[in-house]
């Protein structure tokens, strides 16, 4: 789990509740907005995190914006691959 900027949580391969805890911690530390970012197969986990935070932990939270895009990534063999990405903006 990586929390780079003060309000961004990057989703990876760890269990979903680890990321839920990171988002809830960001809100409890006084943040009014949190950004959840994920790429590839982690996108479904990012959506799960956002929904769990909204429905189970912080009821006043709503989606501010959702951005989806495709990033071109260089592979180990020297080629390129398209990888989907998502940014979910949550606000109180």
Protein backbone atom coordinates (compact mmCIF):
# COMPACT_ATOMS: atom_id res chain seq x y z
CA UNK A 1 0.00 0.00 0.00
CA UNK A 2 1.40 3.34 -1.01
CA UNK A 3 0.15 6.70 0.19
CA UNK A 4 2.26 9.13 -1.85
CA UNK A 5 0.62 12.50 -1.67
CA UNK A 6 -1.26 13.55 1.42
CA UNK A 7 -4.58 12.36 0.07
CA UNK A 8 -3.85 9.63 -2.51
CA UNK A 9 -4.04 5.87 -1.93
CA UNK A 10 -2.56 3.59 -4.60
CA UNK A 11 -4.22 0.18 -4.80
CA UNK A 12 -2.09 -2.91 -5.31
CA UNK A 13 -2.21 -6.60 -4.37
CA UNK A 14 -2.75 -6.37 -0.61
CA UNK A 15 -6.07 -7.28 1.01
CA UNK A 16 -8.93 -4.85 0.43
CA UNK A 17 -9.33 -3.92 4.10
CA UNK A 18 -5.75 -2.59 4.23
CA UNK A 19 -6.69 0.02 1.65
CA UNK A 20 -10.03 0.75 3.34
CA UNK A 21 -8.10 1.49 6.54
CA UNK A 22 -5.75 3.82 4.62
CA UNK A 23 -8.67 5.78 3.13
CA UNK A 24 -10.51 6.02 6.46
CA UNK A 25 -7.27 7.19 8.11
CA UNK A 26 -6.92 9.94 5.50
CA UNK A 27 -10.45 11.17 6.25
CA UNK A 28 -9.92 10.94 10.02
CA UNK A 29 -6.72 13.00 9.76
CA UNK A 30 -8.80 15.95 8.60
CA UNK A 31 -8.84 15.37 4.86
CA UNK A 32 -12.07 16.21 3.08
CA UNK A 33 -11.02 14.58 -0.22
CA UNK A 34 -9.22 11.29 -0.89
CA UNK A 35 -8.09 9.96 -4.27
CA UNK A 36 -8.01 6.19 -4.88
CA UNK A 37 -5.82 5.21 -7.85
CA UNK A 38 -5.41 1.80 -9.47
CA UNK A 39 -4.27 0.18 -12.70
CA UNK A 40 -5.07 -3.09 -14.45
CA UNK A 41 -6.43 -5.90 -12.32
CA UNK A 42 -6.43 -3.72 -9.19
CA UNK A 43 -9.28 -1.60 -10.59
CA UNK A 44 -11.96 -3.89 -9.18
CA UNK A 45 -10.27 -3.75 -5.76
CA UNK A 46 -10.27 0.07 -5.94
CA UNK A 47 -14.01 0.09 -6.61
CA UNK A 48 -14.53 -2.32 -3.70
CA UNK A 49 -12.51 -0.03 -1.41
CA UNK A 50 -14.56 3.02 -2.38
CA UNK A 51 -17.86 1.20 -1.86
CA UNK A 52 -16.84 -0.27 1.51
CA UNK A 53 -15.72 3.15 2.75
CA UNK A 54 -18.96 4.78 1.58
CA UNK A 55 -21.38 2.17 2.91
CA UNK A 56 -19.75 0.75 6.04
CA UNK A 57 -17.31 3.28 7.49
CA UNK A 58 -18.00 6.92 6.52
CA UNK A 59 -21.63 7.35 5.56
CA UNK A 60 -21.41 11.00 4.44
CA UNK A 61 -18.89 10.19 1.70
CA UNK A 62 -19.78 10.63 -1.96
CA UNK A 63 -18.10 10.39 -5.34
CA UNK A 64 -16.74 13.75 -6.45
CA UNK A 65 -15.30 12.52 -9.74
CA UNK A 66 -14.20 9.31 -11.45
CA UNK A 67 -11.55 9.36 -14.17
CA UNK A 68 -10.69 6.40 -16.39
CA UNK A 69 -7.86 6.23 -18.88
CA UNK A 70 -5.47 3.95 -20.71
CA UNK A 71 -1.72 4.13 -20.12
CA UNK A 72 0.92 2.77 -22.47
CA UNK A 73 3.47 0.74 -20.50
CA UNK A 74 6.79 -0.63 -21.75
CA UNK A 75 7.08 -4.39 -21.22
CA UNK A 76 10.21 -6.33 -20.24
CA UNK A 77 10.64 -7.55 -23.80
CA UNK A 78 10.82 -4.00 -25.13
CA UNK A 79 7.28 -3.85 -26.47
CA UNK A 80 4.35 -1.84 -25.22
CA UNK A 81 1.07 -2.75 -23.60
CA UNK A 82 -2.08 -0.79 -22.87
CA UNK A 83 -3.10 -0.79 -19.21
CA UNK A 84 -6.38 0.65 -17.97
CA UNK A 85 -6.34 2.96 -14.96
CA UNK A 86 -8.91 4.59 -12.70
CA UNK A 87 -8.91 7.50 -10.27
CA UNK A 88 -11.80 7.69 -7.80
CA UNK A 89 -12.22 11.00 -5.99
CA UNK A 90 -14.12 10.65 -2.70
CA UNK A 91 -15.27 13.64 -0.63
CA UNK A 92 -17.11 14.10 2.64
